[in-house]
Amino acid sequence: MKSLIAFFEIPATQFDRAVTFYEKTFQVELSVMNCENEKMAFFPEEAGKCPGAISWTSEIEFSPSEQGVLLSLNCGNIDETFRIIEENGGKVLVPKTKIEAEGMGYFGIFIDCEGNRIGLYSES
């Protein structure tokens, strides 16, 4: 079965701030592309494909929100990731929580520096 996620875009109102936030939070380098009315910063490839990007555009309504779809990103250590998130202008909404199903790991939810609600997932 193919992965159900084809590509994700996380909206940003202050593009450079959002890029810095996600690079620091996940200790990765995002590839930035600037077009006339759109900016995108792509997350590193996974299995030969880019999973998603930070996006800004002046063309359409694409605003950060705490109310929309919840995207969860993998991380190594949720507690350490939350520390980095808070240091960089984010806010923890749901602290590290054990998933009740056996062997399913942990989750948490935060608000990023742009106001998006994002999830975290870790096996330990």
PDB file of N, CA and C in Angstrom:
ATOM      1  N   MET A   1       0.833  -1.181   0.000  1.00  0.00           N
ATOM      2  CA  MET A   1       0.000   0.000   0.000  1.00  0.00           C
ATOM      3  C   MET A   1       0.878   1.245   0.000  1.00  0.00           C
ATOM      4  N   LYS A   2       0.525   2.233  -0.793  1.00  0.00           N
ATOM      5  CA  LYS A   2       1.229   3.506  -0.810  1.00  0.00           C
ATOM      6  C   LYS A   2       0.951   4.264   0.481  1.00  0.00           C
ATOM      7  N   SER A   3       1.894   5.126   0.848  1.00  0.00           N
ATOM      8  CA  SER A   3       1.660   6.005   1.986  1.00  0.00           C
ATOM      9  C   SER A   3       0.452   6.881   1.680  1.00  0.00           C
ATOM     10  N   LEU A   4      -0.409   7.088   2.646  1.00  0.00           N
ATOM     11  CA  LEU A   4      -1.595   7.908   2.438  1.00  0.00           C
ATOM     12  C   LEU A   4      -1.270   9.393   2.338  1.00  0.00           C
ATOM     13  N   ILE A   5      -0.114   9.778   2.822  1.00  0.00           N
ATOM     14  CA  ILE A   5       0.279  11.175   2.724  1.00  0.00           C
ATOM     15  C   ILE A   5       1.102  11.352   1.455  1.00  0.00           C
ATOM     16  N   ALA A   6       0.588  12.154   0.514  1.00  0.00           N
ATOM     17  CA  ALA A   6       1.318  12.440  -0.714  1.00  0.00           C
ATOM     18  C   ALA A   6       2.279  13.601  -0.496  1.00  0.00           C
ATOM     19  N   PHE A   7       1.801  14.659   0.161  1.00  0.00           N
ATOM     20  CA  PHE A   7       2.603  15.856   0.387  1.00  0.00           C
ATOM     21  C   PHE A   7       1.840  16.740   1.368  1.00  0.00           C
ATOM     22  N   PHE A   8       2.549  17.432   2.245  1.00  0.00           N
ATOM     23  CA  PHE A   8       1.879  18.370   3.143  1.00  0.00           C
ATOM     24  C   PHE A   8       2.506  19.751   2.992  1.00  0.00           C
ATOM     25  N   GLU A   9       1.710  20.770   3.267  1.00  0.00           N
ATOM     26  CA  GLU A   9       2.188  22.141   3.288  1.00  0.00           C
ATOM     27  C   GLU A   9       1.728  22.789   4.590  1.00  0.00           C
ATOM     28  N   ILE A  10       2.669  23.375   5.299  1.00  0.00           N
ATOM     29  CA  ILE A  10       2.377  24.078   6.538  1.00  0.00           C
ATOM     30  C   ILE A  10       2.402  25.571   6.223  1.00  0.00           C
ATOM     31  N   PRO A  11       1.267  26.275   6.364  1.00  0.00           N
ATOM     32  CA  PRO A  11       1.241  27.691   5.999  1.00  0.00           C
ATOM     33  C   PRO A  11       2.030  28.564   6.975  1.00  0.00           C
ATOM     34  N   ALA A  12       2.596  29.627   6.427  1.00  0.00           N
ATOM     35  CA  ALA A  12       3.356  30.585   7.232  1.00  0.00           C
ATOM     36  C   ALA A  12       3.005  32.005   6.814  1.00  0.00           C
ATOM     37  N   THR A  13       2.920  32.901   7.798  1.00  0.00           N
ATOM     38  CA  THR A  13       2.746  34.313   7.489  1.00  0.00           C
ATOM     39  C   THR A  13       4.099  35.019   7.481  1.00  0.00           C
ATOM     40  N   GLN A  14       5.021  34.548   8.314  1.00  0.00           N
ATOM     41  CA  GLN A  14       6.398  35.057   8.331  1.00  0.00           C
ATOM     42  C   GLN A  14       7.311  33.901   7.943  1.00  0.00           C
ATOM     43  N   PHE A  15       7.538  33.777   6.652  1.00  0.00           N
ATOM     44  CA  PHE A  15       8.210  32.625   6.065  1.00  0.00           C
ATOM     45  C   PHE A  15       9.571  32.329   6.705  1.00  0.00           C
ATOM     46  N   ASP A  16      10.449  33.313   6.787  1.00  0.00           N
ATOM     47  CA  ASP A  16      11.792  33.075   7.315  1.00  0.00           C
ATOM     48  C   ASP A  16      11.755  32.605   8.767  1.00  0.00           C
ATOM     49  N   ARG A  17      10.873  33.180   9.556  1.00  0.00           N
ATOM     50  CA  ARG A  17      10.725  32.759  10.956  1.00  0.00           C
ATOM     51  C   ARG A  17      10.292  31.301  11.022  1.00  0.00           C
ATOM     52  N   ALA A  18       9.336  30.913  10.177  1.00  0.00           N
ATOM     53  CA  ALA A  18       8.851  29.535  10.174  1.00  0.00           C
ATOM     54  C   ALA A  18       9.937  28.558   9.740  1.00  0.00           C
ATOM     55  N   VAL A  19      10.719  28.920   8.734  1.00  0.00           N
ATOM     56  CA  VAL A  19      11.816  28.059   8.276  1.00  0.00           C
ATOM     57  C   VAL A  19      12.806  27.835   9.417  1.00  0.00           C
ATOM     58  N   THR A  20      13.202  28.909  10.083  1.00  0.00           N
ATOM     59  CA  THR A  20      14.130  28.795  11.210  1.00  0.00           C
ATOM     60  C   THR A  20      13.547  27.925  12.315  1.00  0.00           C
ATOM     61  N   PHE A  21      12.273  28.118  12.624  1.00  0.00           N
ATOM     62  CA  PHE A  21      11.594  27.341  13.664  1.00  0.00           C
ATOM     63  C   PHE A  21      11.689  25.845  13.371  1.00  0.00           C
ATOM     64  N   TYR A  22      11.337  25.420  12.173  1.00  0.00           N
ATOM     65  CA  TYR A  22      11.334  23.993  11.838  1.00  0.00           C
ATOM     66  C   TYR A  22      12.742  23.431  11.670  1.00  0.00           C
ATOM     67  N   GLU A  23      13.674  24.225  11.188  1.00  0.00           N
ATOM     68  CA  GLU A  23      15.057  23.745  11.095  1.00  0.00           C
ATOM     69  C   GLU A  23      15.624  23.489  12.489  1.00  0.00           C
ATOM     70  N   LYS A  24      15.374  24.398  13.422  1.00  0.00           N
ATOM     71  CA  LYS A  24      15.868  24.218  14.788  1.00  0.00           C
ATOM     72  C   LYS A  24      15.135  23.084  15.496  1.00  0.00           C
ATOM     73  N   THR A  25      13.828  23.032  15.328  1.00  0.00           N
ATOM     74  CA  THR A  25      13.029  22.034  16.034  1.00  0.00           C
ATOM     75  C   THR A  25      13.414  20.615  15.634  1.00  0.00           C
ATOM     76  N   PHE A  26      13.598  20.374  14.338  1.00  0.00           N
ATOM     77  CA  PHE A  26      13.873  19.010  13.863  1.00  0.00           C
ATOM     78  C   PHE A  26      15.321  18.814  13.427  1.00  0.00           C
ATOM     79  N   GLN A  27      16.168  19.821  13.660  1.00  0.00           N
ATOM     80  CA  GLN A  27      17.587  19.751  13.346  1.00  0.00           C
ATOM     81  C   GLN A  27      17.822  19.259  11.923  1.00  0.00           C
ATOM     82  N   VAL A  28      17.160  19.931  10.974  1.00  0.00           N
ATOM     83  CA  VAL A  28      17.288  19.627   9.550  1.00  0.00           C
ATOM     84  C   VAL A  28      17.515  20.932   8.791  1.00  0.00           C
ATOM     85  N   GLU A  29      17.959  20.817   7.557  1.00  0.00           N
ATOM     86  CA  GLU A  29      18.071  21.974   6.682  1.00  0.00           C
ATOM     87  C   GLU A  29      16.981  21.875   5.623  1.00  0.00           C
ATOM     88  N   LEU A  30      16.184  22.917   5.510  1.00  0.00           N
ATOM     89  CA  LEU A  30      15.121  22.957   4.513  1.00  0.00           C
ATOM     90  C   LEU A  30      15.641  23.624   3.252  1.00  0.00           C
ATOM     91  N   SER A  31      15.226  23.107   2.099  1.00  0.00           N
ATOM     92  CA  SER A  31      15.602  23.686   0.809  1.00  0.00           C
ATOM     93  C   SER A  31      14.579  24.745   0.435  1.00  0.00           C
ATOM     94  N   VAL A  32      15.027  25.992   0.300  1.00  0.00           N
ATOM     95  CA  VAL A  32      14.116  27.108   0.048  1.00  0.00           C
ATOM     96  C   VAL A  32      14.015  27.403  -1.446  1.00  0.00           C
ATOM     97  N   MET A  33      12.771  27.622  -1.897  1.00  0.00           N
ATOM     98  CA  MET A  33      12.494  28.011  -3.274  1.00  0.00           C
ATOM     99  C   MET A  33      11.635  29.268  -3.230  1.00  0.00           C
ATOM    100  N   ASN A  34      12.082  30.317  -3.911  1.00  0.00           N
ATOM    101  CA  ASN A  34      11.328  31.566  -3.989  1.00  0.00           C
ATOM    102  C   ASN A  34      10.825  31.760  -5.411  1.00  0.00           C
ATOM    103  N   CYS A  35       9.530  31.893  -5.558  1.00  0.00           N
ATOM    104  CA  CYS A  35       8.922  32.219  -6.844  1.00  0.00           C
ATOM    105  C   CYS A  35       8.329  33.623  -6.724  1.00  0.00           C
ATOM    106  N   GLU A  36       7.680  34.100  -7.754  1.00  0.00           N
ATOM    107  CA  GLU A  36       7.128  35.457  -7.728  1.00  0.00           C
ATOM    108  C   GLU A  36       6.171  35.681  -6.565  1.00  0.00           C
ATOM    109  N   ASN A  37       5.169  34.834  -6.434  1.00  0.00           N
ATOM    110  CA  ASN A  37       4.136  35.023  -5.410  1.00  0.00           C
ATOM    111  C   ASN A  37       4.062  33.868  -4.425  1.00  0.00           C
ATOM    112  N   GLU A  38       5.114  33.077  -4.357  1.00  0.00           N
ATOM    113  CA  GLU A  38       5.100  31.913  -3.478  1.00  0.00           C
ATOM    114  C   GLU A  38       6.517  31.608  -3.007  1.00  0.00           C
ATOM    115  N   LYS A  39       6.606  31.167  -1.746  1.00  0.00           N
ATOM    116  CA  LYS A  39       7.862  30.693  -1.179  1.00  0.00           C
ATOM    117  C   LYS A  39       7.583  29.334  -0.568  1.00  0.00           C
ATOM    118  N   MET A  40       8.507  28.413  -0.748  1.00  0.00           N
ATOM    119  CA  MET A  40       8.385  27.097  -0.137  1.00  0.00           C
ATOM    120  C   MET A  40       9.740  26.676   0.418  1.00  0.00           C
ATOM    121  N   ALA A  41       9.729  26.026   1.564  1.00  0.00           N
ATOM    122  CA  ALA A  41      10.930  25.453   2.158  1.00  0.00           C
ATOM    123  C   ALA A  41      10.649  23.966   2.352  1.00  0.00           C
ATOM    124  N   PHE A  42      11.343  23.140   1.597  1.00  0.00           N
ATOM    125  CA  PHE A  42      11.064  21.714   1.543  1.00  0.00           C
ATOM    126  C   PHE A  42      11.810  20.946   2.626  1.00  0.00           C
ATOM    127  N   PHE A  43      11.092  20.056   3.296  1.00  0.00           N
ATOM    128  CA  PHE A  43      11.701  19.156   4.260  1.00  0.00           C
ATOM    129  C   PHE A  43      12.593  18.163   3.516  1.00  0.00           C
ATOM    130  N   PRO A  44      13.594  17.569   4.197  1.00  0.00           N
ATOM    131  CA  PRO A  44      14.477  16.616   3.536  1.00  0.00           C
ATOM    132  C   PRO A  44      13.708  15.406   2.996  1.00  0.00           C
ATOM    133  N   GLU A  45      14.243  14.853   1.929  1.00  0.00           N
ATOM    134  CA  GLU A  45      13.613  13.690   1.308  1.00  0.00           C
ATOM    135  C   GLU A  45      13.581  12.501   2.256  1.00  0.00           C
ATOM    136  N   GLU A  46      12.526  11.714   2.125  1.00  0.00           N
ATOM    137  CA  GLU A  46      12.378  10.453   2.840  1.00  0.00           C
ATOM    138  C   GLU A  46      12.053   9.403   1.794  1.00  0.00           C
ATOM    139  N   ALA A  47      12.847   8.366   1.715  1.00  0.00           N
ATOM    140  CA  ALA A  47      12.648   7.296   0.737  1.00  0.00           C
ATOM    141  C   ALA A  47      12.579   7.865  -0.685  1.00  0.00           C
ATOM    142  N   GLY A  48      13.419   8.879  -0.952  1.00  0.00           N
ATOM    143  CA  GLY A  48      13.499   9.439  -2.287  1.00  0.00           C
ATOM    144  C   GLY A  48      12.437  10.456  -2.642  1.00  0.00           C
ATOM    145  N   LYS A  49      11.565  10.811  -1.694  1.00  0.00           N
ATOM    146  CA  LYS A  49      10.504  11.780  -1.973  1.00  0.00           C
ATOM    147  C   LYS A  49      10.471  12.838  -0.882  1.00  0.00           C
ATOM    148  N   CYS A  50      10.123  14.051  -1.266  1.00  0.00           N
ATOM    149  CA  CYS A  50       9.958  15.126  -0.298  1.00  0.00           C
ATOM    150  C   CYS A  50       8.579  14.988   0.332  1.00  0.00           C
ATOM    151  N   PRO A  51       8.503  14.896   1.662  1.00  0.00           N
ATOM    152  CA  PRO A  51       7.198  14.704   2.301  1.00  0.00           C
ATOM    153  C   PRO A  51       6.350  15.971   2.388  1.00  0.00           C
ATOM    154  N   GLY A  52       7.002  17.161   2.386  1.00  0.00           N
ATOM    155  CA  GLY A  52       6.218  18.374   2.533  1.00  0.00           C
ATOM    156  C   GLY A  52       7.068  19.614   2.645  1.00  0.00           C
ATOM    157  N   ALA A  53       6.400  20.750   2.901  1.00  0.00           N
ATOM    158  CA  ALA A  53       7.092  22.023   2.908  1.00  0.00           C
ATOM    159  C   ALA A  53       6.385  23.053   3.780  1.00  0.00           C
ATOM    160  N   ILE A  54       7.140  24.087   4.162  1.00  0.00           N
ATOM    161  CA  ILE A  54       6.589  25.300   4.734  1.00  0.00           C
ATOM    162  C   ILE A  54       6.212  26.161   3.530  1.00  0.00           C
ATOM    163  N   SER A  55       5.018  26.753   3.534  1.00  0.00           N
ATOM    164  CA  SER A  55       4.561  27.505   2.361  1.00  0.00           C
ATOM    165  C   SER A  55       4.046  28.883   2.727  1.00  0.00           C
ATOM    166  N   TRP A  56       4.331  29.838   1.855  1.00  0.00           N
ATOM    167  CA  TRP A  56       3.789  31.188   1.939  1.00  0.00           C
ATOM    168  C   TRP A  56       3.389  31.610   0.533  1.00  0.00           C
ATOM    169  N   THR A  57       2.245  32.245   0.401  1.00  0.00           N
ATOM    170  CA  THR A  57       1.819  32.769  -0.890  1.00  0.00           C
ATOM    171  C   THR A  57       0.966  34.013  -0.693  1.00  0.00           C
ATOM    172  N   SER A  58       1.043  34.894  -1.664  1.00  0.00           N
ATOM    173  CA  SER A  58       0.191  36.072  -1.653  1.00  0.00           C
ATOM    174  C   SER A  58      -1.022  35.872  -2.552  1.00  0.00           C
ATOM    175  N   GLU A  59      -1.085  34.739  -3.229  1.00  0.00           N
ATOM    176  CA  GLU A  59      -2.119  34.472  -4.236  1.00  0.00           C
ATOM    177  C   GLU A  59      -3.461  34.019  -3.661  1.00  0.00           C
ATOM    178  N   ILE A  60      -3.425  33.161  -2.650  1.00  0.00           N
ATOM    179  CA  ILE A  60      -4.656  32.585  -2.107  1.00  0.00           C
ATOM    180  C   ILE A  60      -4.679  32.724  -0.592  1.00  0.00           C
ATOM    181  N   GLU A  61      -5.837  32.517  -0.004  1.00  0.00           N
ATOM    182  CA  GLU A  61      -5.957  32.494   1.453  1.00  0.00           C
ATOM    183  C   GLU A  61      -5.339  31.203   1.955  1.00  0.00           C
ATOM    184  N   PHE A  62      -4.220  31.297   2.622  1.00  0.00           N
ATOM    185  CA  PHE A  62      -3.498  30.128   3.121  1.00  0.00           C
ATOM    186  C   PHE A  62      -2.897  30.521   4.453  1.00  0.00           C
ATOM    187  N   SER A  63      -3.741  30.538   5.475  1.00  0.00           N
ATOM    188  CA  SER A  63      -3.359  31.088   6.765  1.00  0.00           C
ATOM    189  C   SER A  63      -3.138  30.008   7.808  1.00  0.00           C
ATOM    190  N   PRO A  64      -2.158  30.209   8.692  1.00  0.00           N
ATOM    191  CA  PRO A  64      -1.981  29.300   9.808  1.00  0.00           C
ATOM    192  C   PRO A  64      -3.260  29.216  10.642  1.00  0.00           C
ATOM    193  N   SER A  65      -3.500  28.048  11.243  1.00  0.00           N
ATOM    194  CA  SER A  65      -4.711  27.864  12.031  1.00  0.00           C
ATOM    195  C   SER A  65      -4.520  26.786  13.074  1.00  0.00           C
ATOM    196  N   GLU A  66      -5.151  26.980  14.209  1.00  0.00           N
ATOM    197  CA  GLU A  66      -5.183  25.950  15.254  1.00  0.00           C
ATOM    198  C   GLU A  66      -6.373  25.021  15.061  1.00  0.00           C
ATOM    199  N   GLN A  67      -7.226  25.297  14.095  1.00  0.00           N
ATOM    200  CA  GLN A  67      -8.493  24.582  13.967  1.00  0.00           C
ATOM    201  C   GLN A  67      -8.530  23.551  12.837  1.00  0.00           C
ATOM    202  N   GLY A  68      -7.543  23.537  11.960  1.00  0.00           N
ATOM    203  CA  GLY A  68      -7.595  22.697  10.766  1.00  0.00           C
ATOM    204  C   GLY A  68      -7.111  21.273  10.992  1.00  0.00           C
ATOM    205  N   VAL A  69      -6.672  20.668   9.910  1.00  0.00           N
ATOM    206  CA  VAL A  69      -6.174  19.301   9.909  1.00  0.00           C
ATOM    207  C   VAL A  69      -4.980  19.184  10.854  1.00  0.00           C
ATOM    208  N   LEU A  70      -4.868  18.066  11.549  1.00  0.00           N
ATOM    209  CA  LEU A  70      -3.737  17.839  12.441  1.00  0.00           C
ATOM    210  C   LEU A  70      -2.735  16.925  11.758  1.00  0.00           C
ATOM    211  N   LEU A  71      -1.583  17.450  11.452  1.00  0.00           N
ATOM    212  CA  LEU A  71      -0.483  16.713  10.853  1.00  0.00           C
ATOM    213  C   LEU A  71       0.473  16.351  11.980  1.00  0.00           C
ATOM    214  N   SER A  72       0.906  15.097  12.039  1.00  0.00           N
ATOM    215  CA  SER A  72       1.867  14.696  13.063  1.00  0.00           C
ATOM    216  C   SER A  72       3.200  14.352  12.407  1.00  0.00           C
ATOM    217  N   LEU A  73       4.262  14.857  12.999  1.00  0.00           N
ATOM    218  CA  LEU A  73       5.612  14.643  12.493  1.00  0.00           C
ATOM    219  C   LEU A  73       6.389  13.768  13.464  1.00  0.00           C
ATOM    220  N   ASN A  74       7.233  12.893  12.929  1.00  0.00           N
ATOM    221  CA  ASN A  74       8.080  12.036  13.753  1.00  0.00           C
ATOM    222  C   ASN A  74       9.197  12.849  14.391  1.00  0.00           C
ATOM    223  N   CYS A  75       9.568  12.470  15.607  1.00  0.00           N
ATOM    224  CA  CYS A  75      10.731  13.056  16.263  1.00  0.00           C
ATOM    225  C   CYS A  75      11.361  11.985  17.138  1.00  0.00           C
ATOM    226  N   GLY A  76      12.604  12.199  17.513  1.00  0.00           N
ATOM    227  CA  GLY A  76      13.295  11.206  18.329  1.00  0.00           C
ATOM    228  C   GLY A  76      12.873  11.236  19.787  1.00  0.00           C
ATOM    229  N   ASN A  77      12.767  12.431  20.353  1.00  0.00           N
ATOM    230  CA  ASN A  77      12.467  12.590  21.771  1.00  0.00           C
ATOM    231  C   ASN A  77      11.471  13.742  21.917  1.00  0.00           C
ATOM    232  N   ILE A  78      10.255  13.422  22.267  1.00  0.00           N
ATOM    233  CA  ILE A  78       9.210  14.452  22.346  1.00  0.00           C
ATOM    234  C   ILE A  78       9.543  15.520  23.381  1.00  0.00           C
ATOM    235  N   ASP A  79      10.016  15.128  24.544  1.00  0.00           N
ATOM    236  CA  ASP A  79      10.326  16.122  25.579  1.00  0.00           C
ATOM    237  C   ASP A  79      11.391  17.109  25.106  1.00  0.00           C
ATOM    238  N   GLU A  80      12.454  16.606  24.490  1.00  0.00           N
ATOM    239  CA  GLU A  80      13.516  17.474  23.978  1.00  0.00           C
ATOM    240  C   GLU A  80      13.000  18.343  22.836  1.00  0.00           C
ATOM    241  N   THR A  81      12.167  17.770  21.979  1.00  0.00           N
ATOM    242  CA  THR A  81      11.596  18.533  20.863  1.00  0.00           C
ATOM    243  C   THR A  81      10.701  19.644  21.384  1.00  0.00           C
ATOM    244  N   PHE A  82       9.897  19.363  22.400  1.00  0.00           N
ATOM    245  CA  PHE A  82       9.059  20.407  22.997  1.00  0.00           C
ATOM    246  C   PHE A  82       9.911  21.527  23.601  1.00  0.00           C
ATOM    247  N   ARG A  83      11.054  21.180  24.204  1.00  0.00           N
ATOM    248  CA  ARG A  83      11.942  22.200  24.762  1.00  0.00           C
ATOM    249  C   ARG A  83      12.401  23.146  23.648  1.00  0.00           C
ATOM    250  N   ILE A  84      12.815  22.579  22.522  1.00  0.00           N
ATOM    251  CA  ILE A  84      13.274  23.386  21.386  1.00  0.00           C
ATOM    252  C   ILE A  84      12.127  24.228  20.834  1.00  0.00           C
ATOM    253  N   ILE A  85      10.949  23.631  20.736  1.00  0.00           N
ATOM    254  CA  ILE A  85       9.768  24.348  20.242  1.00  0.00           C
ATOM    255  C   ILE A  85       9.496  25.587  21.090  1.00  0.00           C
ATOM    256  N   GLU A  86       9.485  25.424  22.404  1.00  0.00           N
ATOM    257  CA  GLU A  86       9.199  26.553  23.290  1.00  0.00           C
ATOM    258  C   GLU A  86      10.298  27.612  23.230  1.00  0.00           C
ATOM    259  N   GLU A  87      11.553  27.196  23.057  1.00  0.00           N
ATOM    260  CA  GLU A  87      12.662  28.145  22.934  1.00  0.00           C
ATOM    261  C   GLU A  87      12.550  28.983  21.662  1.00  0.00           C
ATOM    262  N   ASN A  88      11.829  28.482  20.672  1.00  0.00           N
ATOM    263  CA  ASN A  88      11.751  29.137  19.367  1.00  0.00           C
ATOM    264  C   ASN A  88      10.370  29.709  19.060  1.00  0.00           C
ATOM    265  N   GLY A  89       9.605  29.991  20.099  1.00  0.00           N
ATOM    266  CA  GLY A  89       8.343  30.697  19.910  1.00  0.00           C
ATOM    267  C   GLY A  89       7.115  29.834  19.771  1.00  0.00           C
ATOM    268  N   GLY A  90       7.242  28.523  19.937  1.00  0.00           N
ATOM    269  CA  GLY A  90       6.086  27.637  19.891  1.00  0.00           C
ATOM    270  C   GLY A  90       5.501  27.421  21.274  1.00  0.00           C
ATOM    271  N   LYS A  91       4.374  26.702  21.324  1.00  0.00           N
ATOM    272  CA  LYS A  91       3.674  26.466  22.589  1.00  0.00           C
ATOM    273  C   LYS A  91       3.167  25.025  22.617  1.00  0.00           C
ATOM    274  N   VAL A  92       3.398  24.335  23.715  1.00  0.00           N
ATOM    275  CA  VAL A  92       2.916  22.964  23.876  1.00  0.00           C
ATOM    276  C   VAL A  92       1.440  22.996  24.255  1.00  0.00           C
ATOM    277  N   LEU A  93       0.612  22.266  23.498  1.00  0.00           N
ATOM    278  CA  LEU A  93      -0.818  22.147  23.816  1.00  0.00           C
ATOM    279  C   LEU A  93      -1.113  20.858  24.566  1.00  0.00           C
ATOM    280  N   VAL A  94      -0.580  19.752  24.074  1.00  0.00           N
ATOM    281  CA  VAL A  94      -0.770  18.449  24.706  1.00  0.00           C
ATOM    282  C   VAL A  94       0.624  17.881  24.956  1.00  0.00           C
ATOM    283  N   PRO A  95       0.998  17.681  26.224  1.00  0.00           N
ATOM    284  CA  PRO A  95       2.328  17.159  26.518  1.00  0.00           C
ATOM    285  C   PRO A  95       2.461  15.706  26.049  1.00  0.00           C
ATOM    286  N   LYS A  96       3.674  15.177  26.142  1.00  0.00           N
ATOM    287  CA  LYS A  96       3.939  13.797  25.754  1.00  0.00           C
ATOM    288  C   LYS A  96       2.917  12.881  26.420  1.00  0.00           C
ATOM    289  N   THR A  97       2.220  12.106  25.597  1.00  0.00           N
ATOM    290  CA  THR A  97       1.132  11.245  26.072  1.00  0.00           C
ATOM    291  C   THR A  97       1.286   9.858  25.474  1.00  0.00           C
ATOM    292  N   LYS A  98       1.188   8.838  26.318  1.00  0.00           N
ATOM    293  CA  LYS A  98       1.268   7.445  25.844  1.00  0.00           C
ATOM    294  C   LYS A  98       0.020   7.109  25.054  1.00  0.00           C
ATOM    295  N   ILE A  99       0.208   6.514  23.884  1.00  0.00           N
ATOM    296  CA  ILE A  99      -0.916   6.024  23.095  1.00  0.00           C
ATOM    297  C   ILE A  99      -1.357   4.704  23.709  1.00  0.00           C
ATOM    298  N   GLU A 100      -2.641   4.568  23.974  1.00  0.00           N
ATOM    299  CA  GLU A 100      -3.163   3.425  24.724  1.00  0.00           C
ATOM    300  C   GLU A 100      -2.916   2.073  24.070  1.00  0.00           C
ATOM    301  N   ALA A 101      -2.955   1.986  22.750  1.00  0.00           N
ATOM    302  CA  ALA A 101      -2.741   0.708  22.069  1.00  0.00           C
ATOM    303  C   ALA A 101      -1.310   0.230  22.306  1.00  0.00           C
ATOM    304  N   GLU A 102      -1.147  -1.029  22.598  1.00  0.00           N
ATOM    305  CA  GLU A 102       0.147  -1.627  22.906  1.00  0.00           C
ATOM    306  C   GLU A 102       1.163  -1.384  21.793  1.00  0.00           C
ATOM    307  N   GLY A 103       2.349  -0.872  22.168  1.00  0.00           N
ATOM    308  CA  GLY A 103       3.442  -0.699  21.233  1.00  0.00           C
ATOM    309  C   GLY A 103       3.296   0.439  20.240  1.00  0.00           C
ATOM    310  N   MET A 104       2.375   1.353  20.483  1.00  0.00           N
ATOM    311  CA  MET A 104       2.121   2.429  19.520  1.00  0.00           C
ATOM    312  C   MET A 104       2.890   3.717  19.810  1.00  0.00           C
ATOM    313  N   GLY A 105       3.611   3.799  20.894  1.00  0.00           N
ATOM    314  CA  GLY A 105       4.441   4.961  21.151  1.00  0.00           C
ATOM    315  C   GLY A 105       3.722   6.106  21.846  1.00  0.00           C
ATOM    316  N   TYR A 106       4.152   7.333  21.522  1.00  0.00           N
ATOM    317  CA  TYR A 106       3.704   8.533  22.211  1.00  0.00           C
ATOM    318  C   TYR A 106       3.357   9.631  21.212  1.00  0.00           C
ATOM    319  N   PHE A 107       2.510  10.564  21.656  1.00  0.00           N
ATOM    320  CA  PHE A 107       2.193  11.719  20.830  1.00  0.00           C
ATOM    321  C   PHE A 107       2.174  12.971  21.693  1.00  0.00           C
ATOM    322  N   GLY A 108       2.201  14.099  21.054  1.00  0.00           N
ATOM    323  CA  GLY A 108       2.060  15.398  21.684  1.00  0.00           C
ATOM    324  C   GLY A 108       1.589  16.369  20.615  1.00  0.00           C
ATOM    325  N   ILE A 109       1.105  17.532  21.046  1.00  0.00           N
ATOM    326  CA  ILE A 109       0.615  18.532  20.092  1.00  0.00           C
ATOM    327  C   ILE A 109       1.148  19.899  20.511  1.00  0.00           C
ATOM    328  N   PHE A 110       1.551  20.693  19.514  1.00  0.00           N
ATOM    329  CA  PHE A 110       2.051  22.029  19.786  1.00  0.00           C
ATOM    330  C   PHE A 110       1.494  23.029  18.776  1.00  0.00           C
ATOM    331  N   ILE A 111       1.640  24.303  19.121  1.00  0.00           N
ATOM    332  CA  ILE A 111       1.345  25.403  18.208  1.00  0.00           C
ATOM    333  C   ILE A 111       2.697  25.934  17.752  1.00  0.00           C
ATOM    334  N   ASP A 112       2.908  26.001  16.438  1.00  0.00           N
ATOM    335  CA  ASP A 112       4.199  26.480  15.947  1.00  0.00           C
ATOM    336  C   ASP A 112       4.270  28.002  16.007  1.00  0.00           C
ATOM    337  N   CYS A 113       5.367  28.559  15.558  1.00  0.00           N
ATOM    338  CA  CYS A 113       5.588  30.004  15.629  1.00  0.00           C
ATOM    339  C   CYS A 113       4.639  30.785  14.730  1.00  0.00           C
ATOM    340  N   GLU A 114       3.931  30.110  13.818  1.00  0.00           N
ATOM    341  CA  GLU A 114       2.998  30.769  12.910  1.00  0.00           C
ATOM    342  C   GLU A 114       1.549  30.634  13.357  1.00  0.00           C
ATOM    343  N   GLY A 115       1.283  29.799  14.371  1.00  0.00           N
ATOM    344  CA  GLY A 115      -0.084  29.589  14.849  1.00  0.00           C
ATOM    345  C   GLY A 115      -0.731  28.312  14.362  1.00  0.00           C
ATOM    346  N   ASN A 116       0.049  27.423  13.690  1.00  0.00           N
ATOM    347  CA  ASN A 116      -0.474  26.139  13.253  1.00  0.00           C
ATOM    348  C   ASN A 116      -0.449  25.121  14.377  1.00  0.00           C
ATOM    349  N   ARG A 117      -1.442  24.285  14.443  1.00  0.00           N
ATOM    350  CA  ARG A 117      -1.491  23.169  15.401  1.00  0.00           C
ATOM    351  C   ARG A 117      -0.857  21.972  14.701  1.00  0.00           C
ATOM    352  N   ILE A 118       0.236  21.426  15.297  1.00  0.00           N
ATOM    353  CA  ILE A 118       0.987  20.337  14.710  1.00  0.00           C
ATOM    354  C   ILE A 118       1.179  19.254  15.774  1.00  0.00           C
ATOM    355  N   GLY A 119       1.161  18.000  15.346  1.00  0.00           N
ATOM    356  CA  GLY A 119       1.389  16.883  16.254  1.00  0.00           C
ATOM    357  C   GLY A 119       2.810  16.363  16.160  1.00  0.00           C
ATOM    358  N   LEU A 120       3.234  15.694  17.213  1.00  0.00           N
ATOM    359  CA  LEU A 120       4.510  14.986  17.231  1.00  0.00           C
ATOM    360  C   LEU A 120       4.239  13.520  17.523  1.00  0.00           C
ATOM    361  N   TYR A 121       5.079  12.640  17.003  1.00  0.00           N
ATOM    362  CA  TYR A 121       4.977  11.220  17.288  1.00  0.00           C
ATOM    363  C   TYR A 121       6.384  10.685  17.560  1.00  0.00           C
ATOM    364  N   SER A 122       6.469   9.799  18.544  1.00  0.00           N
ATOM    365  CA  SER A 122       7.739   9.134  18.863  1.00  0.00           C
ATOM    366  C   SER A 122       7.431   7.732  19.367  1.00  0.00           C
ATOM    367  N   GLU A 123       8.299   6.800  19.046  1.00  0.00           N
ATOM    368  CA  GLU A 123       8.099   5.433  19.525  1.00  0.00           C
ATOM    369  C   GLU A 123       8.477   5.276  20.978  1.00  0.00           C
ATOM    370  N   SER A 124       9.266   6.220  21.513  1.00  0.00           N
ATOM    371  CA  SER A 124       9.662   6.099  22.929  1.00  0.00           C
ATOM    372  C   SER A 124       9.568   7.425  23.651  1.00  0.00           C
TER     373      SER A 124
END
